[in-house]
């Protein structure tokens, strides 16, 4: 079975390594007997399924979840059943790769219009006048 991420990207089962470990937290005696937490390892650096630009963006998006060797590690321990945690880990991997597959839009630098600049200046002048009025009151109250 393969994990279909986008119409162009599909990750084979041979590229994903799942290991099951004991999870902490609620679960009663079950938590002491059954290894329900899932650790998913995906070697993104050597994956033939990922184009180079997706691999670069995935490294940036993954952050601390990716090792220096380019292995993406996802811990799933949200649920009490092994199957739900396995599904959760695979969905999170797919979501990360899907986010990396989206090409960021190029930013087109723009300048504020003349009217916008004049509005900013008008607001600043207005604020300045308000603050000037807070000064000392002069008058004949000193008698």
N, C-alpha and C. Protein backbone atom coordinates (compact mmCIF):
# COMPACT_ATOMS: atom_id res chain seq x y z
N UNK A 1 0.84 -1.19 0.00
CA UNK A 1 0.00 0.00 0.00
C UNK A 1 0.88 1.25 0.00
N UNK A 2 0.45 2.25 -0.72
CA UNK A 2 1.21 3.49 -0.76
C UNK A 2 0.38 4.62 -0.13
N UNK A 3 1.09 5.62 0.37
CA UNK A 3 0.45 6.79 0.95
C UNK A 3 0.39 7.85 -0.14
N UNK A 4 -0.82 8.12 -0.66
CA UNK A 4 -0.98 9.11 -1.70
C UNK A 4 -1.13 10.48 -1.05
N UNK A 5 -0.18 11.36 -1.33
CA UNK A 5 -0.16 12.69 -0.72
C UNK A 5 -0.82 13.69 -1.66
N UNK A 6 -0.36 13.75 -2.89
CA UNK A 6 -0.94 14.60 -3.93
C UNK A 6 -1.06 13.73 -5.17
N UNK A 7 -1.72 14.22 -6.22
CA UNK A 7 -1.79 13.41 -7.44
C UNK A 7 -0.40 13.05 -8.01
N UNK A 8 0.62 13.86 -7.71
CA UNK A 8 1.96 13.61 -8.24
C UNK A 8 2.90 12.93 -7.25
N UNK A 9 2.56 12.97 -5.95
CA UNK A 9 3.45 12.42 -4.93
C UNK A 9 2.77 11.29 -4.18
N UNK A 10 3.40 10.13 -4.22
CA UNK A 10 2.93 8.97 -3.46
C UNK A 10 4.14 8.33 -2.79
N UNK A 11 4.02 8.05 -1.50
CA UNK A 11 5.14 7.49 -0.74
C UNK A 11 4.87 6.01 -0.52
N UNK A 12 5.82 5.18 -0.90
CA UNK A 12 5.67 3.74 -0.75
C UNK A 12 5.83 3.28 0.69
N UNK A 13 5.24 2.14 1.01
CA UNK A 13 5.36 1.58 2.37
C UNK A 13 6.80 1.26 2.74
N UNK A 14 7.62 0.91 1.73
CA UNK A 14 9.01 0.58 2.01
C UNK A 14 9.83 1.80 2.45
N UNK A 15 9.29 3.01 2.24
CA UNK A 15 9.99 4.23 2.64
C UNK A 15 9.62 4.68 4.05
N UNK A 16 8.54 4.13 4.59
CA UNK A 16 8.05 4.52 5.91
C UNK A 16 8.32 3.41 6.90
N UNK A 17 8.94 3.78 8.01
CA UNK A 17 9.25 2.81 9.06
C UNK A 17 8.41 3.16 10.30
N UNK A 18 7.57 2.21 10.73
CA UNK A 18 6.72 2.42 11.90
C UNK A 18 7.21 1.53 13.03
N UNK A 19 7.34 2.12 14.22
CA UNK A 19 7.65 1.32 15.40
C UNK A 19 6.67 1.71 16.49
N UNK A 20 6.33 0.74 17.31
CA UNK A 20 5.33 0.94 18.34
C UNK A 20 5.98 0.89 19.72
N UNK A 21 5.70 1.91 20.52
CA UNK A 21 6.30 2.00 21.86
C UNK A 21 5.19 2.25 22.86
N UNK A 22 5.50 2.08 24.13
CA UNK A 22 4.50 2.32 25.17
C UNK A 22 4.28 3.82 25.32
N UNK A 23 3.02 4.17 25.48
CA UNK A 23 2.67 5.58 25.62
C UNK A 23 2.43 5.90 27.09
N UNK A 24 2.69 7.15 27.45
CA UNK A 24 2.38 7.58 28.80
C UNK A 24 0.98 8.16 28.80
N UNK A 25 0.48 8.48 29.97
CA UNK A 25 -0.82 9.13 30.05
C UNK A 25 -1.93 8.17 30.38
N UNK A 26 -3.20 8.60 30.17
CA UNK A 26 -4.34 7.80 30.57
C UNK A 26 -4.45 6.51 29.79
N UNK A 27 -5.07 5.53 30.37
CA UNK A 27 -5.26 4.25 29.69
C UNK A 27 -5.36 3.12 30.67
N UNK A 28 -5.20 3.41 31.95
CA UNK A 28 -5.34 2.36 32.96
C UNK A 28 -4.25 1.32 32.82
N UNK A 29 -4.62 0.07 33.09
CA UNK A 29 -3.64 -1.02 33.01
C UNK A 29 -3.21 -1.29 31.59
N UNK A 30 -4.06 -0.90 30.65
CA UNK A 30 -3.76 -1.10 29.23
C UNK A 30 -2.45 -0.42 28.85
N UNK A 31 -2.17 0.74 29.46
CA UNK A 31 -0.98 1.51 29.12
C UNK A 31 0.30 0.76 29.50
N UNK A 32 0.21 -0.12 30.49
CA UNK A 32 1.38 -0.87 30.92
C UNK A 32 1.60 -2.14 30.09
N UNK A 33 0.59 -2.56 29.35
CA UNK A 33 0.68 -3.83 28.63
C UNK A 33 0.86 -3.69 27.13
N UNK A 34 0.26 -2.64 26.56
CA UNK A 34 0.19 -2.55 25.10
C UNK A 34 1.00 -1.35 24.61
N UNK A 35 1.75 -1.57 23.56
CA UNK A 35 2.53 -0.48 22.95
C UNK A 35 1.64 0.23 21.94
N UNK A 36 1.02 1.32 22.36
CA UNK A 36 0.05 2.00 21.49
C UNK A 36 0.64 3.21 20.77
N UNK A 37 1.66 3.83 21.32
CA UNK A 37 2.25 5.01 20.67
C UNK A 37 3.01 4.59 19.42
N UNK A 38 3.00 5.45 18.43
CA UNK A 38 3.64 5.14 17.15
C UNK A 38 4.74 6.15 16.88
N UNK A 39 5.89 5.64 16.45
CA UNK A 39 6.98 6.50 16.00
C UNK A 39 7.17 6.22 14.51
N UNK A 40 6.90 7.23 13.68
CA UNK A 40 7.03 7.09 12.23
C UNK A 40 8.34 7.73 11.81
N UNK A 41 9.11 7.01 11.01
CA UNK A 41 10.37 7.53 10.48
C UNK A 41 10.30 7.50 8.95
N UNK A 42 10.62 8.65 8.35
CA UNK A 42 10.58 8.76 6.89
C UNK A 42 11.86 9.45 6.45
N UNK A 43 12.67 8.75 5.68
CA UNK A 43 13.95 9.29 5.21
C UNK A 43 13.69 10.19 4.00
N UNK A 44 13.38 11.44 4.27
CA UNK A 44 13.03 12.39 3.21
C UNK A 44 14.23 12.72 2.33
N UNK A 45 15.42 12.73 2.91
CA UNK A 45 16.63 13.09 2.15
C UNK A 45 16.93 12.09 1.04
N UNK A 46 16.60 10.83 1.25
CA UNK A 46 16.91 9.79 0.27
C UNK A 46 15.67 9.24 -0.42
N UNK A 47 14.53 9.88 -0.24
CA UNK A 47 13.29 9.39 -0.80
C UNK A 47 13.20 9.66 -2.30
N UNK A 48 12.97 8.62 -3.11
CA UNK A 48 12.80 8.85 -4.55
C UNK A 48 11.43 9.44 -4.88
N UNK A 49 10.53 9.44 -3.93
CA UNK A 49 9.16 9.95 -4.17
C UNK A 49 9.06 11.46 -4.16
N UNK A 50 10.04 12.13 -3.53
CA UNK A 50 9.96 13.58 -3.38
C UNK A 50 10.85 14.31 -4.38
N UNK A 51 10.28 15.29 -5.09
CA UNK A 51 11.10 16.13 -5.95
C UNK A 51 12.04 16.99 -5.08
N UNK A 52 13.18 17.42 -5.60
CA UNK A 52 14.16 18.18 -4.81
C UNK A 52 13.59 19.44 -4.16
N UNK A 53 12.72 20.18 -4.87
CA UNK A 53 12.20 21.42 -4.28
C UNK A 53 11.24 21.13 -3.12
N UNK A 54 10.49 20.03 -3.22
CA UNK A 54 9.59 19.63 -2.12
C UNK A 54 10.43 19.20 -0.92
N UNK A 55 11.52 18.50 -1.19
CA UNK A 55 12.42 18.04 -0.13
C UNK A 55 13.00 19.24 0.64
N UNK A 56 13.40 20.28 -0.10
CA UNK A 56 13.95 21.48 0.55
C UNK A 56 12.91 22.17 1.41
N UNK A 57 11.69 22.34 0.87
CA UNK A 57 10.63 23.00 1.65
C UNK A 57 10.22 22.15 2.85
N UNK A 58 10.22 20.83 2.70
CA UNK A 58 9.86 19.94 3.82
C UNK A 58 10.87 20.08 4.95
N UNK A 59 12.14 20.20 4.62
CA UNK A 59 13.17 20.39 5.65
C UNK A 59 12.90 21.66 6.45
N UNK A 60 12.50 22.73 5.77
CA UNK A 60 12.22 24.00 6.44
C UNK A 60 10.95 23.91 7.28
N UNK A 61 9.91 23.27 6.75
CA UNK A 61 8.63 23.16 7.46
C UNK A 61 8.75 22.23 8.67
N UNK A 62 9.48 21.12 8.52
CA UNK A 62 9.55 20.10 9.58
C UNK A 62 10.26 20.61 10.82
N UNK A 63 11.26 21.45 10.65
CA UNK A 63 11.97 22.01 11.80
C UNK A 63 12.66 20.94 12.63
N UNK A 64 12.34 20.89 13.93
CA UNK A 64 13.02 19.97 14.85
C UNK A 64 12.58 18.52 14.67
N UNK A 65 11.51 18.30 13.91
CA UNK A 65 11.05 16.92 13.67
C UNK A 65 11.96 16.18 12.69
N UNK A 66 12.85 16.92 12.01
CA UNK A 66 13.75 16.28 11.05
C UNK A 66 15.17 16.28 11.61
N UNK A 67 15.83 15.13 11.49
CA UNK A 67 17.21 15.00 11.98
C UNK A 67 18.17 15.65 10.99
N UNK A 68 19.42 15.76 11.39
CA UNK A 68 20.44 16.34 10.51
C UNK A 68 20.64 15.49 9.25
N UNK A 69 20.35 14.19 9.36
CA UNK A 69 20.49 13.29 8.21
C UNK A 69 19.31 13.36 7.25
N UNK A 70 18.28 14.13 7.61
CA UNK A 70 17.12 14.26 6.74
C UNK A 70 16.04 13.24 6.99
N UNK A 71 16.04 12.63 8.20
CA UNK A 71 15.00 11.66 8.55
C UNK A 71 13.92 12.40 9.34
N UNK A 72 12.70 12.33 8.84
CA UNK A 72 11.56 12.96 9.50
C UNK A 72 10.98 11.99 10.52
N UNK A 73 10.84 12.43 11.78
CA UNK A 73 10.33 11.57 12.85
C UNK A 73 9.04 12.19 13.39
N UNK A 74 7.97 11.40 13.36
CA UNK A 74 6.68 11.85 13.88
C UNK A 74 6.25 10.91 14.99
N UNK A 75 5.94 11.48 16.16
CA UNK A 75 5.44 10.70 17.30
C UNK A 75 3.94 10.89 17.38
N UNK A 76 3.21 9.78 17.40
CA UNK A 76 1.75 9.84 17.51
C UNK A 76 1.33 9.04 18.74
N UNK A 77 0.79 9.74 19.74
CA UNK A 77 0.33 9.07 20.96
C UNK A 77 -0.97 9.67 21.45
N UNK A 78 -1.70 10.30 20.53
CA UNK A 78 -2.93 11.00 20.86
C UNK A 78 -4.05 10.04 21.28
N UNK A 79 -4.10 8.87 20.67
CA UNK A 79 -5.20 7.93 20.91
C UNK A 79 -4.76 6.75 21.75
N UNK A 80 -5.74 5.99 22.24
CA UNK A 80 -5.44 4.85 23.09
C UNK A 80 -5.25 3.57 22.29
N UNK A 81 -5.56 3.61 20.99
CA UNK A 81 -5.38 2.40 20.19
C UNK A 81 -4.23 2.58 19.21
N UNK A 82 -3.54 1.49 18.98
CA UNK A 82 -2.38 1.50 18.09
C UNK A 82 -2.78 1.88 16.66
N UNK A 83 -3.91 1.34 16.21
CA UNK A 83 -4.36 1.59 14.84
C UNK A 83 -4.69 3.07 14.61
N UNK A 84 -5.36 3.69 15.58
CA UNK A 84 -5.69 5.11 15.45
C UNK A 84 -4.42 5.97 15.44
N UNK A 85 -3.45 5.62 16.28
CA UNK A 85 -2.18 6.37 16.32
C UNK A 85 -1.40 6.18 15.02
N UNK A 86 -1.46 4.97 14.45
CA UNK A 86 -0.77 4.71 13.18
C UNK A 86 -1.39 5.56 12.07
N UNK A 87 -2.72 5.60 12.04
CA UNK A 87 -3.44 6.41 11.05
C UNK A 87 -3.12 7.90 11.25
N UNK A 88 -3.07 8.33 12.51
CA UNK A 88 -2.77 9.73 12.84
C UNK A 88 -1.36 10.11 12.35
N UNK A 89 -0.39 9.24 12.58
CA UNK A 89 0.99 9.50 12.16
C UNK A 89 1.08 9.62 10.64
N UNK A 90 0.40 8.73 9.93
CA UNK A 90 0.43 8.76 8.47
C UNK A 90 -0.26 10.01 7.93
N UNK A 91 -1.37 10.41 8.57
CA UNK A 91 -2.07 11.62 8.14
C UNK A 91 -1.21 12.86 8.38
N UNK A 92 -0.49 12.88 9.49
CA UNK A 92 0.38 14.02 9.78
C UNK A 92 1.55 14.09 8.80
N UNK A 93 2.09 12.94 8.43
CA UNK A 93 3.16 12.91 7.42
C UNK A 93 2.62 13.44 6.09
N UNK A 94 1.44 12.98 5.69
CA UNK A 94 0.84 13.43 4.43
C UNK A 94 0.59 14.93 4.46
N UNK A 95 0.11 15.45 5.60
CA UNK A 95 -0.16 16.88 5.71
C UNK A 95 1.13 17.70 5.58
N UNK A 96 2.22 17.22 6.20
CA UNK A 96 3.50 17.94 6.10
C UNK A 96 4.01 17.95 4.67
N UNK A 97 3.96 16.79 4.00
CA UNK A 97 4.46 16.71 2.62
C UNK A 97 3.56 17.53 1.70
N UNK A 98 2.23 17.51 1.96
CA UNK A 98 1.30 18.31 1.16
C UNK A 98 1.61 19.80 1.30
N UNK A 99 1.92 20.24 2.52
CA UNK A 99 2.27 21.64 2.74
C UNK A 99 3.57 22.00 2.01
N UNK A 100 4.52 21.07 1.99
CA UNK A 100 5.79 21.31 1.32
C UNK A 100 5.63 21.28 -0.20
N UNK A 101 4.63 20.56 -0.69
CA UNK A 101 4.43 20.44 -2.14
C UNK A 101 3.83 21.71 -2.73
N UNK A 102 3.16 22.50 -1.89
CA UNK A 102 2.57 23.76 -2.38
C UNK A 102 3.69 24.76 -2.65
N UNK A 103 3.71 25.30 -3.85
CA UNK A 103 4.73 26.29 -4.17
C UNK A 103 4.30 27.63 -3.60
N UNK A 104 5.19 28.29 -2.86
CA UNK A 104 4.81 29.58 -2.29
C UNK A 104 4.63 30.62 -3.39
N UNK A 105 3.64 31.49 -3.20
CA UNK A 105 3.41 32.53 -4.20
C UNK A 105 4.52 33.58 -4.13
N UNK A 106 4.93 34.04 -5.30
CA UNK A 106 5.97 35.06 -5.36
C UNK A 106 5.37 36.38 -4.89
N UNK A 107 6.10 37.07 -4.04
CA UNK A 107 5.64 38.36 -3.53
C UNK A 107 5.97 39.43 -4.55
N UNK A 108 4.97 40.21 -4.89
CA UNK A 108 5.18 41.32 -5.81
C UNK A 108 5.31 42.58 -4.95
N UNK A 109 6.50 43.18 -4.91
CA UNK A 109 6.67 44.36 -4.07
C UNK A 109 5.80 45.52 -4.56
N UNK A 110 5.12 46.17 -3.64
CA UNK A 110 4.26 47.30 -3.99
C UNK A 110 4.64 48.49 -3.14
N UNK A 111 4.18 49.66 -3.56
CA UNK A 111 4.43 50.89 -2.81
C UNK A 111 3.09 51.48 -2.40
N UNK A 112 3.05 52.13 -1.25
CA UNK A 112 1.80 52.79 -0.88
C UNK A 112 1.49 53.93 -1.84
N UNK A 113 0.22 54.14 -2.12
CA UNK A 113 -0.18 55.21 -3.05
C UNK A 113 0.07 56.57 -2.41
N UNK A 114 0.01 57.61 -3.22
CA UNK A 114 0.21 58.97 -2.73
C UNK A 114 -0.87 59.31 -1.70
N UNK A 115 -2.10 58.90 -1.98
CA UNK A 115 -3.21 59.18 -1.06
C UNK A 115 -2.99 58.48 0.29
N UNK A 116 -2.49 57.25 0.25
CA UNK A 116 -2.24 56.52 1.50
C UNK A 116 -1.15 57.21 2.31
N UNK A 117 -0.09 57.66 1.63
CA UNK A 117 0.99 58.35 2.33
C UNK A 117 0.48 59.65 2.96
N UNK A 118 -0.38 60.37 2.23
CA UNK A 118 -0.90 61.63 2.78
C UNK A 118 -1.83 61.37 3.96
N UNK A 119 -2.59 60.26 3.93
CA UNK A 119 -3.45 59.90 5.07
C UNK A 119 -2.62 59.61 6.30
N UNK A 120 -1.50 58.91 6.13
CA UNK A 120 -0.61 58.61 7.25
C UNK A 120 -0.07 59.91 7.85
N UNK A 121 0.38 60.82 6.99
CA UNK A 121 0.91 62.10 7.46
C UNK A 121 -0.17 62.91 8.18
N UNK A 122 -1.39 62.89 7.63
CA UNK A 122 -2.49 63.63 8.27
C UNK A 122 -2.78 63.08 9.66
N UNK A 123 -2.78 61.75 9.80
CA UNK A 123 -3.00 61.13 11.11
C UNK A 123 -1.90 61.52 12.08
N UNK A 124 -0.66 61.56 11.61
CA UNK A 124 0.46 61.92 12.47
C UNK A 124 0.36 63.37 12.92
N UNK A 125 -0.01 64.26 12.00
CA UNK A 125 -0.15 65.67 12.36
C UNK A 125 -1.28 65.86 13.37
N UNK A 126 -2.37 65.16 13.17
CA UNK A 126 -3.51 65.24 14.09
C UNK A 126 -3.09 64.77 15.49
N UNK A 127 -2.39 63.66 15.54
CA UNK A 127 -1.93 63.11 16.83
C UNK A 127 -0.96 64.11 17.49
N UNK A 128 -0.11 64.73 16.71
CA UNK A 128 0.85 65.70 17.22
C UNK A 128 0.13 66.88 17.85
N UNK A 129 -0.93 67.37 17.16
CA UNK A 129 -1.71 68.50 17.70
C UNK A 129 -2.37 68.12 19.03
N UNK A 130 -2.92 66.91 19.11
CA UNK A 130 -3.55 66.45 20.35
C UNK A 130 -2.54 66.44 21.48
N UNK A 131 -1.35 65.96 21.21
CA UNK A 131 -0.33 65.87 22.26
C UNK A 131 0.18 67.26 22.67
N UNK A 132 0.25 68.18 21.70
CA UNK A 132 0.69 69.55 22.03
C UNK A 132 -0.28 70.23 22.98
N UNK A 133 -1.57 69.92 22.83
CA UNK A 133 -2.59 70.51 23.69
C UNK A 133 -2.50 70.02 25.13
N UNK A 134 -1.75 68.97 25.37
CA UNK A 134 -1.60 68.44 26.73
C UNK A 134 -0.57 69.21 27.54
N UNK A 135 0.04 70.20 26.97
CA UNK A 135 1.09 70.97 27.64
C UNK A 135 0.55 71.77 28.82
N UNK A 136 1.41 72.59 29.42
CA UNK A 136 1.05 73.41 30.57
C UNK A 136 -0.03 74.41 30.21
N UNK A 137 -0.94 74.58 31.14
CA UNK A 137 -2.00 75.55 30.93
C UNK A 137 -1.50 76.90 31.43
N UNK A 138 -1.54 77.91 30.56
CA UNK A 138 -1.10 79.23 30.99
C UNK A 138 -2.33 80.06 31.33
N UNK A 139 -2.21 80.91 32.34
CA UNK A 139 -3.36 81.73 32.73
C UNK A 139 -3.06 82.46 34.02
N UNK A 140 -4.05 83.13 34.56
CA UNK A 140 -3.86 83.91 35.77
C UNK A 140 -4.37 83.16 37.00
N UNK A 141 -4.21 81.88 37.04
CA UNK A 141 -4.63 81.08 38.19
C UNK A 141 -3.61 81.12 39.33
N UNK A 142 -2.45 81.72 39.11
CA UNK A 142 -1.37 81.72 40.09
C UNK A 142 -1.55 82.75 41.21
N UNK A 143 -2.60 83.51 41.20
CA UNK A 143 -2.80 84.58 42.18
C UNK A 143 -2.92 84.02 43.52
